[in-house]
Amino acid sequence: MKRYLVASLTALAVCASAFALSAAAADNQTSGAPNMERMQHWAADREAVLDAKLAGMKAGLKLTPDQEKLWGPFETAVRDSAKSRMDAMQAMMETRGQGERMSPIDHLDAMATRLSKAAADVKTIADAAKPLYASLDEGQKHNFATLGRMLMPERARFAEEMWRRHDGPGMPE
C-alpha cells in the first residue's frame, strides 16, 4: 500500500508537470496580456478545485481529533506542490510571452529542472503523509488511497491501470 501511495504521488507530480507543459504549449499560439489573464483564471480555477478535493478527502477520511493534527502538514505539502507547479508554469509562460526561444538542449535542461523539483515536491508530500497514513485505521487507509487518486484527474488512466494490476479488473465504485 505504501508503494502504491508513493507511486501515485510520483505519478501525480509527473502528470501535473506534463499537463502544465501541454497547456503552456497550447497557449503558445498567442502571446501577451490576454494569454497571461487566461493563465491567471486557469490557476484560480485549479486552486478552487484543489480546495474542494482536499476538503472532500478530509471529510471522507472522518479523521479523529488526533488525526486532524496530522492533516495540516499533508495539506500544506500538497498545496505547496501545486503552487510550485503554478509558479513554474507562470515563469515559462512569461518567457514564451517575451518571444524567447529555447534551444533543444536548454529545453532538456529546463525539463530536468522541473522534473527534479516535482520529485522533491512528491518526496515532501510523501514525508508529510507518512505520520497521517500511519495513524489511519484500515478503512481510512482504503479511503485515503481512493480519495487521493481523485486529487488529480489527469492521472486517472494511470490510477485505473495500477488498480487493475494490483487489485483486479476495473475501478471500485
N, C-alpha and C. Protein backbone atom coordinates (compact mmCIF):
# COMPACT_ATOMS: atom_id res chain seq x y z
N MET A 1 0.83 -1.19 0.00
CA MET A 1 0.00 0.00 0.00
C MET A 1 0.87 1.25 0.00
N LYS A 2 1.97 1.23 0.77
CA LYS A 2 2.86 2.40 0.82
C LYS A 2 3.50 2.63 -0.54
N ARG A 3 3.90 1.54 -1.21
CA ARG A 3 4.48 1.69 -2.56
C ARG A 3 3.46 2.29 -3.50
N TYR A 4 2.20 1.87 -3.36
CA TYR A 4 1.14 2.38 -4.21
C TYR A 4 0.95 3.88 -3.98
N LEU A 5 0.98 4.28 -2.71
CA LEU A 5 0.82 5.70 -2.38
C LEU A 5 1.96 6.52 -2.96
N VAL A 6 3.20 6.06 -2.77
CA VAL A 6 4.35 6.80 -3.30
C VAL A 6 4.31 6.82 -4.83
N ALA A 7 3.95 5.70 -5.44
CA ALA A 7 3.85 5.66 -6.90
C ALA A 7 2.75 6.60 -7.39
N SER A 8 1.65 6.64 -6.67
CA SER A 8 0.55 7.53 -7.05
C SER A 8 0.96 8.99 -6.94
N LEU A 9 1.64 9.33 -5.85
CA LEU A 9 2.07 10.71 -5.68
C LEU A 9 3.13 11.11 -6.70
N THR A 10 4.01 10.17 -7.05
CA THR A 10 5.01 10.44 -8.07
C THR A 10 4.33 10.69 -9.42
N ALA A 11 3.40 9.83 -9.74
CA ALA A 11 2.66 10.00 -11.00
C ALA A 11 1.91 11.31 -11.00
N LEU A 12 1.37 11.69 -9.87
CA LEU A 12 0.67 12.96 -9.74
C LEU A 12 1.58 14.12 -10.14
N ALA A 13 2.78 14.13 -9.60
CA ALA A 13 3.70 15.23 -9.90
C ALA A 13 4.13 15.22 -11.37
N VAL A 14 4.44 14.04 -11.90
CA VAL A 14 4.89 13.96 -13.28
C VAL A 14 3.77 14.34 -14.24
N CYS A 15 2.57 13.82 -13.98
CA CYS A 15 1.44 14.14 -14.86
C CYS A 15 1.07 15.61 -14.79
N ALA A 16 1.13 16.16 -13.60
CA ALA A 16 0.81 17.58 -13.46
C ALA A 16 1.82 18.42 -14.22
N SER A 17 3.09 18.03 -14.17
CA SER A 17 4.11 18.76 -14.93
C SER A 17 3.86 18.64 -16.43
N ALA A 18 3.55 17.43 -16.87
CA ALA A 18 3.27 17.22 -18.29
C ALA A 18 2.03 17.99 -18.71
N PHE A 19 1.02 17.99 -17.85
CA PHE A 19 -0.21 18.73 -18.15
C PHE A 19 0.09 20.22 -18.26
N ALA A 20 0.92 20.71 -17.35
CA ALA A 20 1.28 22.13 -17.38
C ALA A 20 2.02 22.46 -18.67
N LEU A 21 2.92 21.58 -19.08
CA LEU A 21 3.65 21.81 -20.32
C LEU A 21 2.71 21.80 -21.53
N SER A 22 1.76 20.87 -21.53
CA SER A 22 0.82 20.80 -22.64
C SER A 22 -0.04 22.05 -22.71
N ALA A 23 -0.50 22.51 -21.55
CA ALA A 23 -1.32 23.72 -21.53
C ALA A 23 -0.50 24.92 -21.99
N ALA A 24 0.74 24.98 -21.58
CA ALA A 24 1.59 26.09 -21.99
C ALA A 24 1.86 26.04 -23.49
N ALA A 25 2.07 24.85 -24.01
CA ALA A 25 2.32 24.72 -25.45
C ALA A 25 1.09 25.12 -26.25
N ALA A 26 -0.08 24.74 -25.76
CA ALA A 26 -1.31 25.10 -26.45
C ALA A 26 -1.51 26.62 -26.43
N ASP A 27 -1.16 27.24 -25.32
CA ASP A 27 -1.31 28.68 -25.20
C ASP A 27 -0.22 29.44 -25.95
N ASN A 28 0.79 28.74 -26.42
CA ASN A 28 1.90 29.38 -27.12
C ASN A 28 1.45 29.98 -28.46
N GLN A 29 0.26 29.63 -28.89
CA GLN A 29 -0.25 30.14 -30.15
C GLN A 29 -0.43 31.65 -30.10
N THR A 30 -0.81 32.14 -28.92
CA THR A 30 -0.99 33.57 -28.74
C THR A 30 -0.08 34.02 -27.63
N SER A 31 0.18 35.32 -27.57
CA SER A 31 1.03 35.82 -26.50
C SER A 31 0.47 37.13 -26.00
N GLY A 32 1.06 37.62 -24.92
CA GLY A 32 0.67 38.91 -24.40
C GLY A 32 -0.28 38.82 -23.23
N ALA A 33 -0.89 39.94 -22.91
CA ALA A 33 -1.74 40.07 -21.73
C ALA A 33 -2.94 39.11 -21.74
N PRO A 34 -3.66 38.94 -22.85
CA PRO A 34 -4.79 38.01 -22.81
C PRO A 34 -4.36 36.60 -22.40
N ASN A 35 -3.17 36.20 -22.86
CA ASN A 35 -2.66 34.88 -22.52
C ASN A 35 -2.39 34.77 -21.02
N MET A 36 -1.79 35.81 -20.44
CA MET A 36 -1.50 35.81 -19.01
C MET A 36 -2.80 35.86 -18.20
N GLU A 37 -3.77 36.60 -18.68
CA GLU A 37 -5.05 36.67 -17.99
C GLU A 37 -5.72 35.30 -17.98
N ARG A 38 -5.66 34.62 -19.11
CA ARG A 38 -6.21 33.27 -19.20
C ARG A 38 -5.50 32.34 -18.22
N MET A 39 -4.18 32.48 -18.12
CA MET A 39 -3.39 31.66 -17.20
C MET A 39 -3.82 31.94 -15.75
N GLN A 40 -4.05 33.19 -15.41
CA GLN A 40 -4.47 33.53 -14.05
C GLN A 40 -5.84 32.94 -13.72
N HIS A 41 -6.75 32.98 -14.68
CA HIS A 41 -8.07 32.38 -14.46
C HIS A 41 -7.94 30.86 -14.30
N TRP A 42 -7.12 30.27 -15.14
CA TRP A 42 -6.91 28.82 -15.07
C TRP A 42 -6.32 28.45 -13.72
N ALA A 43 -5.33 29.22 -13.25
CA ALA A 43 -4.70 28.94 -11.95
C ALA A 43 -5.71 29.07 -10.82
N ALA A 44 -6.55 30.09 -10.87
CA ALA A 44 -7.58 30.28 -9.84
C ALA A 44 -8.57 29.12 -9.85
N ASP A 45 -8.94 28.65 -11.04
CA ASP A 45 -9.84 27.51 -11.16
C ASP A 45 -9.20 26.26 -10.55
N ARG A 46 -7.93 26.03 -10.87
CA ARG A 46 -7.22 24.86 -10.34
C ARG A 46 -7.14 24.91 -8.82
N GLU A 47 -6.93 26.12 -8.27
CA GLU A 47 -6.85 26.27 -6.82
C GLU A 47 -8.21 25.96 -6.18
N ALA A 48 -9.27 26.44 -6.79
CA ALA A 48 -10.61 26.18 -6.26
C ALA A 48 -10.92 24.68 -6.28
N VAL A 49 -10.54 24.01 -7.35
CA VAL A 49 -10.77 22.57 -7.46
C VAL A 49 -9.94 21.83 -6.41
N LEU A 50 -8.69 22.24 -6.24
CA LEU A 50 -7.85 21.60 -5.23
C LEU A 50 -8.43 21.79 -3.83
N ASP A 51 -8.93 23.00 -3.54
CA ASP A 51 -9.57 23.27 -2.25
C ASP A 51 -10.72 22.29 -2.02
N ALA A 52 -11.56 22.13 -3.02
CA ALA A 52 -12.72 21.25 -2.90
C ALA A 52 -12.30 19.79 -2.73
N LYS A 53 -11.31 19.36 -3.47
CA LYS A 53 -10.87 17.97 -3.39
C LYS A 53 -10.23 17.67 -2.05
N LEU A 54 -9.41 18.60 -1.55
CA LEU A 54 -8.80 18.38 -0.24
C LEU A 54 -9.86 18.37 0.86
N ALA A 55 -10.83 19.27 0.78
CA ALA A 55 -11.92 19.28 1.76
C ALA A 55 -12.72 17.98 1.70
N GLY A 56 -12.98 17.51 0.49
CA GLY A 56 -13.70 16.25 0.33
C GLY A 56 -12.92 15.06 0.86
N MET A 57 -11.61 15.06 0.60
CA MET A 57 -10.77 13.97 1.10
C MET A 57 -10.75 13.97 2.62
N LYS A 58 -10.59 15.14 3.20
CA LYS A 58 -10.56 15.24 4.66
C LYS A 58 -11.89 14.78 5.26
N ALA A 59 -12.99 15.22 4.68
CA ALA A 59 -14.30 14.80 5.18
C ALA A 59 -14.50 13.30 5.01
N GLY A 60 -14.07 12.77 3.87
CA GLY A 60 -14.23 11.34 3.60
C GLY A 60 -13.42 10.46 4.52
N LEU A 61 -12.31 10.98 5.04
CA LEU A 61 -11.47 10.18 5.94
C LEU A 61 -12.05 10.11 7.36
N LYS A 62 -12.93 11.05 7.70
CA LYS A 62 -13.54 11.07 9.04
C LYS A 62 -12.46 10.98 10.12
N LEU A 63 -11.58 11.97 10.11
CA LEU A 63 -10.43 11.97 11.00
C LEU A 63 -10.83 12.17 12.46
N THR A 64 -10.09 11.52 13.33
CA THR A 64 -10.25 11.73 14.76
C THR A 64 -9.53 13.04 15.12
N PRO A 65 -9.77 13.57 16.30
CA PRO A 65 -9.07 14.81 16.69
C PRO A 65 -7.54 14.67 16.64
N ASP A 66 -7.00 13.51 17.03
CA ASP A 66 -5.55 13.30 16.95
C ASP A 66 -5.08 13.26 15.50
N GLN A 67 -5.87 12.65 14.63
CA GLN A 67 -5.51 12.59 13.22
C GLN A 67 -5.62 13.96 12.56
N GLU A 68 -6.56 14.77 13.02
CA GLU A 68 -6.73 16.14 12.48
C GLU A 68 -5.42 16.91 12.57
N LYS A 69 -4.68 16.71 13.66
CA LYS A 69 -3.41 17.41 13.85
C LYS A 69 -2.38 17.01 12.79
N LEU A 70 -2.49 15.81 12.28
CA LEU A 70 -1.54 15.32 11.27
C LEU A 70 -1.96 15.70 9.85
N TRP A 71 -3.20 16.14 9.68
CA TRP A 71 -3.69 16.52 8.36
C TRP A 71 -3.01 17.79 7.86
N GLY A 72 -2.79 18.75 8.71
CA GLY A 72 -2.24 20.05 8.32
C GLY A 72 -0.95 19.96 7.52
N PRO A 73 0.07 19.23 7.99
CA PRO A 73 1.31 19.13 7.20
C PRO A 73 1.10 18.49 5.83
N PHE A 74 0.22 17.49 5.76
CA PHE A 74 -0.07 16.85 4.48
C PHE A 74 -0.72 17.84 3.52
N GLU A 75 -1.74 18.53 4.01
CA GLU A 75 -2.44 19.50 3.16
C GLU A 75 -1.49 20.62 2.72
N THR A 76 -0.66 21.09 3.62
CA THR A 76 0.30 22.14 3.28
C THR A 76 1.26 21.67 2.20
N ALA A 77 1.75 20.44 2.31
CA ALA A 77 2.67 19.90 1.31
C ALA A 77 1.99 19.79 -0.06
N VAL A 78 0.75 19.35 -0.09
CA VAL A 78 0.01 19.24 -1.36
C VAL A 78 -0.19 20.64 -1.96
N ARG A 79 -0.58 21.59 -1.13
CA ARG A 79 -0.80 22.96 -1.62
C ARG A 79 0.51 23.60 -2.10
N ASP A 80 1.58 23.40 -1.34
CA ASP A 80 2.88 23.96 -1.74
C ASP A 80 3.35 23.38 -3.07
N SER A 81 3.12 22.10 -3.26
CA SER A 81 3.49 21.46 -4.52
C SER A 81 2.68 22.04 -5.68
N ALA A 82 1.39 22.22 -5.47
CA ALA A 82 0.55 22.80 -6.52
C ALA A 82 0.98 24.23 -6.83
N LYS A 83 1.32 25.00 -5.80
CA LYS A 83 1.77 26.38 -6.00
C LYS A 83 3.10 26.40 -6.76
N SER A 84 3.97 25.48 -6.42
CA SER A 84 5.26 25.40 -7.11
C SER A 84 5.07 25.12 -8.60
N ARG A 85 4.15 24.22 -8.92
CA ARG A 85 3.87 23.92 -10.34
C ARG A 85 3.30 25.14 -11.05
N MET A 86 2.41 25.85 -10.37
CA MET A 86 1.82 27.05 -10.97
C MET A 86 2.88 28.13 -11.19
N ASP A 87 3.76 28.31 -10.21
CA ASP A 87 4.82 29.31 -10.33
C ASP A 87 5.75 28.98 -11.50
N ALA A 88 6.10 27.71 -11.63
CA ALA A 88 6.97 27.29 -12.73
C ALA A 88 6.29 27.49 -14.08
N MET A 89 5.01 27.20 -14.11
CA MET A 89 4.26 27.36 -15.36
C MET A 89 4.15 28.84 -15.72
N GLN A 90 3.92 29.69 -14.73
CA GLN A 90 3.83 31.12 -14.98
C GLN A 90 5.17 31.66 -15.50
N ALA A 91 6.26 31.22 -14.91
CA ALA A 91 7.58 31.66 -15.36
C ALA A 91 7.82 31.23 -16.81
N MET A 92 7.41 30.01 -17.14
CA MET A 92 7.56 29.52 -18.50
C MET A 92 6.72 30.35 -19.47
N MET A 93 5.50 30.68 -19.05
CA MET A 93 4.63 31.49 -19.91
C MET A 93 5.21 32.89 -20.12
N GLU A 94 5.78 33.46 -19.08
CA GLU A 94 6.38 34.79 -19.21
C GLU A 94 7.56 34.76 -20.18
N THR A 95 8.36 33.72 -20.10
CA THR A 95 9.49 33.57 -21.01
C THR A 95 9.01 33.45 -22.44
N ARG A 96 8.01 32.64 -22.65
CA ARG A 96 7.46 32.47 -24.01
C ARG A 96 6.77 33.74 -24.49
N GLY A 97 6.14 34.46 -23.55
CA GLY A 97 5.46 35.70 -23.90
C GLY A 97 6.43 36.77 -24.39
N GLN A 98 7.66 36.67 -23.96
CA GLN A 98 8.68 37.62 -24.39
C GLN A 98 9.30 37.21 -25.72
N GLY A 99 8.84 36.11 -26.27
CA GLY A 99 9.31 35.66 -27.57
C GLY A 99 10.64 34.92 -27.54
N GLU A 100 11.10 34.56 -26.36
CA GLU A 100 12.37 33.85 -26.27
C GLU A 100 12.19 32.41 -26.72
N ARG A 101 13.14 31.95 -27.50
CA ARG A 101 13.14 30.56 -27.97
C ARG A 101 14.27 29.82 -27.28
N MET A 102 13.96 28.63 -26.81
CA MET A 102 14.98 27.82 -26.15
C MET A 102 15.57 26.85 -27.15
N SER A 103 16.86 26.61 -27.01
CA SER A 103 17.49 25.58 -27.83
C SER A 103 17.01 24.22 -27.31
N PRO A 104 17.16 23.18 -28.11
CA PRO A 104 16.74 21.85 -27.64
C PRO A 104 17.48 21.45 -26.35
N ILE A 105 18.73 21.84 -26.22
CA ILE A 105 19.50 21.49 -25.03
C ILE A 105 18.98 22.27 -23.82
N ASP A 106 18.69 23.56 -24.03
CA ASP A 106 18.13 24.35 -22.93
C ASP A 106 16.76 23.81 -22.52
N HIS A 107 16.00 23.35 -23.51
CA HIS A 107 14.69 22.77 -23.22
C HIS A 107 14.85 21.50 -22.37
N LEU A 108 15.80 20.63 -22.72
CA LEU A 108 16.04 19.42 -21.94
C LEU A 108 16.50 19.77 -20.52
N ASP A 109 17.36 20.77 -20.42
CA ASP A 109 17.85 21.19 -19.11
C ASP A 109 16.70 21.73 -18.25
N ALA A 110 15.84 22.53 -18.85
CA ALA A 110 14.70 23.08 -18.12
C ALA A 110 13.74 21.96 -17.69
N MET A 111 13.55 20.98 -18.57
CA MET A 111 12.69 19.86 -18.24
C MET A 111 13.27 19.06 -17.06
N ALA A 112 14.58 18.85 -17.09
CA ALA A 112 15.23 18.13 -15.99
C ALA A 112 15.06 18.89 -14.67
N THR A 113 15.18 20.19 -14.73
CA THR A 113 15.00 21.00 -13.53
C THR A 113 13.57 20.89 -13.01
N ARG A 114 12.59 20.97 -13.91
CA ARG A 114 11.19 20.84 -13.49
C ARG A 114 10.91 19.46 -12.90
N LEU A 115 11.43 18.42 -13.53
CA LEU A 115 11.19 17.07 -13.02
C LEU A 115 11.87 16.86 -11.67
N SER A 116 13.06 17.43 -11.49
CA SER A 116 13.74 17.33 -10.20
C SER A 116 12.94 18.02 -9.12
N LYS A 117 12.40 19.19 -9.43
CA LYS A 117 11.58 19.92 -8.48
C LYS A 117 10.31 19.13 -8.18
N ALA A 118 9.70 18.56 -9.20
CA ALA A 118 8.49 17.76 -8.99
C ALA A 118 8.79 16.55 -8.11
N ALA A 119 9.93 15.91 -8.33
CA ALA A 119 10.32 14.76 -7.49
C ALA A 119 10.52 15.19 -6.04
N ALA A 120 11.14 16.33 -5.84
CA ALA A 120 11.34 16.84 -4.48
C ALA A 120 9.99 17.15 -3.82
N ASP A 121 9.06 17.71 -4.59
CA ASP A 121 7.73 18.01 -4.06
C ASP A 121 7.00 16.73 -3.68
N VAL A 122 7.10 15.70 -4.50
CA VAL A 122 6.45 14.42 -4.20
C VAL A 122 7.05 13.82 -2.93
N LYS A 123 8.36 13.92 -2.78
CA LYS A 123 9.02 13.42 -1.58
C LYS A 123 8.50 14.17 -0.35
N THR A 124 8.33 15.48 -0.47
CA THR A 124 7.81 16.28 0.64
C THR A 124 6.39 15.84 0.99
N ILE A 125 5.56 15.61 -0.03
CA ILE A 125 4.19 15.14 0.22
C ILE A 125 4.21 13.77 0.89
N ALA A 126 5.04 12.87 0.39
CA ALA A 126 5.12 11.53 0.97
C ALA A 126 5.58 11.60 2.43
N ASP A 127 6.59 12.42 2.70
CA ASP A 127 7.07 12.55 4.08
C ASP A 127 6.00 13.12 5.00
N ALA A 128 5.23 14.08 4.49
CA ALA A 128 4.16 14.68 5.29
C ALA A 128 3.00 13.70 5.47
N ALA A 129 2.79 12.83 4.50
CA ALA A 129 1.67 11.88 4.56
C ALA A 129 1.96 10.69 5.47
N LYS A 130 3.22 10.35 5.67
CA LYS A 130 3.56 9.15 6.45
C LYS A 130 2.93 9.12 7.84
N PRO A 131 3.10 10.15 8.66
CA PRO A 131 2.50 10.06 10.00
C PRO A 131 0.97 10.02 9.96
N LEU A 132 0.38 10.77 9.05
CA LEU A 132 -1.08 10.74 8.92
C LEU A 132 -1.53 9.35 8.52
N TYR A 133 -0.91 8.80 7.49
CA TYR A 133 -1.30 7.49 6.98
C TYR A 133 -1.12 6.41 8.05
N ALA A 134 -0.02 6.50 8.81
CA ALA A 134 0.25 5.51 9.86
C ALA A 134 -0.81 5.56 10.96
N SER A 135 -1.44 6.71 11.15
CA SER A 135 -2.45 6.85 12.20
C SER A 135 -3.83 6.37 11.77
N LEU A 136 -4.02 6.10 10.51
CA LEU A 136 -5.33 5.72 9.98
C LEU A 136 -5.63 4.25 10.25
N ASP A 137 -6.92 3.93 10.43
CA ASP A 137 -7.31 2.52 10.53
C ASP A 137 -7.42 1.96 9.10
N GLU A 138 -7.70 0.69 8.98
CA GLU A 138 -7.70 0.05 7.66
C GLU A 138 -8.74 0.66 6.72
N GLY A 139 -9.90 0.98 7.22
CA GLY A 139 -10.93 1.60 6.38
C GLY A 139 -10.51 2.98 5.90
N GLN A 140 -9.91 3.74 6.81
CA GLN A 140 -9.42 5.07 6.43
C GLN A 140 -8.29 4.97 5.42
N LYS A 141 -7.43 3.97 5.57
CA LYS A 141 -6.32 3.78 4.62
C LYS A 141 -6.88 3.50 3.22
N HIS A 142 -7.90 2.67 3.17
CA HIS A 142 -8.54 2.39 1.88
C HIS A 142 -9.12 3.68 1.29
N ASN A 143 -9.80 4.46 2.13
CA ASN A 143 -10.37 5.72 1.66
C ASN A 143 -9.29 6.72 1.25
N PHE A 144 -8.17 6.73 1.98
CA PHE A 144 -7.07 7.62 1.63
C PHE A 144 -6.58 7.32 0.21
N ALA A 145 -6.40 6.03 -0.08
CA ALA A 145 -5.93 5.65 -1.42
C ALA A 145 -6.96 6.03 -2.48
N THR A 146 -8.22 5.74 -2.21
CA THR A 146 -9.28 6.04 -3.19
C THR A 146 -9.44 7.53 -3.38
N LEU A 147 -9.54 8.28 -2.30
CA LEU A 147 -9.74 9.72 -2.39
C LEU A 147 -8.49 10.43 -2.89
N GLY A 148 -7.33 9.91 -2.56
CA GLY A 148 -6.07 10.50 -3.04
C GLY A 148 -5.97 10.46 -4.55
N ARG A 149 -6.51 9.40 -5.15
CA ARG A 149 -6.50 9.31 -6.62
C ARG A 149 -7.33 10.42 -7.24
N MET A 150 -8.32 10.87 -6.51
CA MET A 150 -9.20 11.90 -7.05
C MET A 150 -8.58 13.30 -7.01
N LEU A 151 -7.46 13.45 -6.32
CA LEU A 151 -6.82 14.76 -6.27
C LEU A 151 -6.38 15.24 -7.65
N MET A 152 -6.00 14.31 -8.51
CA MET A 152 -5.50 14.70 -9.83
C MET A 152 -6.17 13.87 -10.92
N PRO A 153 -7.22 14.40 -11.53
CA PRO A 153 -7.92 13.62 -12.55
C PRO A 153 -7.07 13.36 -13.78
N GLU A 154 -6.00 14.16 -13.98
CA GLU A 154 -5.16 13.96 -15.16
C GLU A 154 -4.52 12.58 -15.16
N ARG A 155 -4.41 11.99 -13.99
CA ARG A 155 -3.75 10.70 -13.91
C ARG A 155 -4.73 9.54 -13.71
N ALA A 156 -5.98 9.77 -14.05
CA ALA A 156 -6.99 8.74 -13.86
C ALA A 156 -6.65 7.46 -14.62
N ARG A 157 -6.12 7.58 -15.82
CA ARG A 157 -5.77 6.39 -16.60
C ARG A 157 -4.69 5.59 -15.89
N PHE A 158 -3.68 6.29 -15.34
CA PHE A 158 -2.63 5.62 -14.59
C PHE A 158 -3.21 4.91 -13.37
N ALA A 159 -4.08 5.59 -12.63
CA ALA A 159 -4.68 5.01 -11.43
C ALA A 159 -5.48 3.75 -11.78
N GLU A 160 -6.23 3.82 -12.86
CA GLU A 160 -7.02 2.67 -13.27
C GLU A 160 -6.11 1.49 -13.63
N GLU A 161 -5.02 1.76 -14.32
CA GLU A 161 -4.08 0.70 -14.68
C GLU A 161 -3.45 0.09 -13.43
N MET A 162 -3.07 0.92 -12.48
CA MET A 162 -2.48 0.42 -11.23
C MET A 162 -3.51 -0.45 -10.49
N TRP A 163 -4.76 -0.02 -10.48
CA TRP A 163 -5.81 -0.78 -9.81
C TRP A 163 -5.95 -2.15 -10.46
N ARG A 164 -5.96 -2.19 -11.76
CA ARG A 164 -6.08 -3.48 -12.47
C ARG A 164 -4.92 -4.40 -12.14
N ARG A 165 -3.71 -3.86 -12.13
CA ARG A 165 -2.53 -4.68 -11.88
C ARG A 165 -2.49 -5.24 -10.47
N HIS A 166 -2.98 -4.48 -9.50
CA HIS A 166 -2.82 -4.88 -8.11
C HIS A 166 -4.07 -5.45 -7.48
N ASP A 167 -5.23 -5.06 -7.92
CA ASP A 167 -6.45 -5.47 -7.22
C ASP A 167 -7.49 -6.11 -8.12
N GLY A 168 -7.20 -6.32 -9.36
CA GLY A 168 -8.18 -6.94 -10.23
C GLY A 168 -8.78 -5.97 -11.21
N PRO A 169 -9.72 -6.43 -12.03
CA PRO A 169 -10.27 -5.60 -13.11
C PRO A 169 -11.16 -4.49 -12.59
N GLY A 170 -11.07 -3.38 -13.27
CA GLY A 170 -12.00 -2.26 -13.02
C GLY A 170 -11.70 -1.47 -11.77
N MET A 171 -12.17 -0.27 -11.76
CA MET A 171 -12.04 0.63 -10.62
C MET A 171 -13.17 0.32 -9.65
N PRO A 172 -12.97 0.60 -8.35
CA PRO A 172 -14.06 0.40 -7.41
C PRO A 172 -15.16 1.43 -7.65
N GLU A 173 -16.35 1.11 -7.29
CA GLU A 173 -17.47 2.03 -7.48
C GLU A 173 -17.75 2.80 -6.23
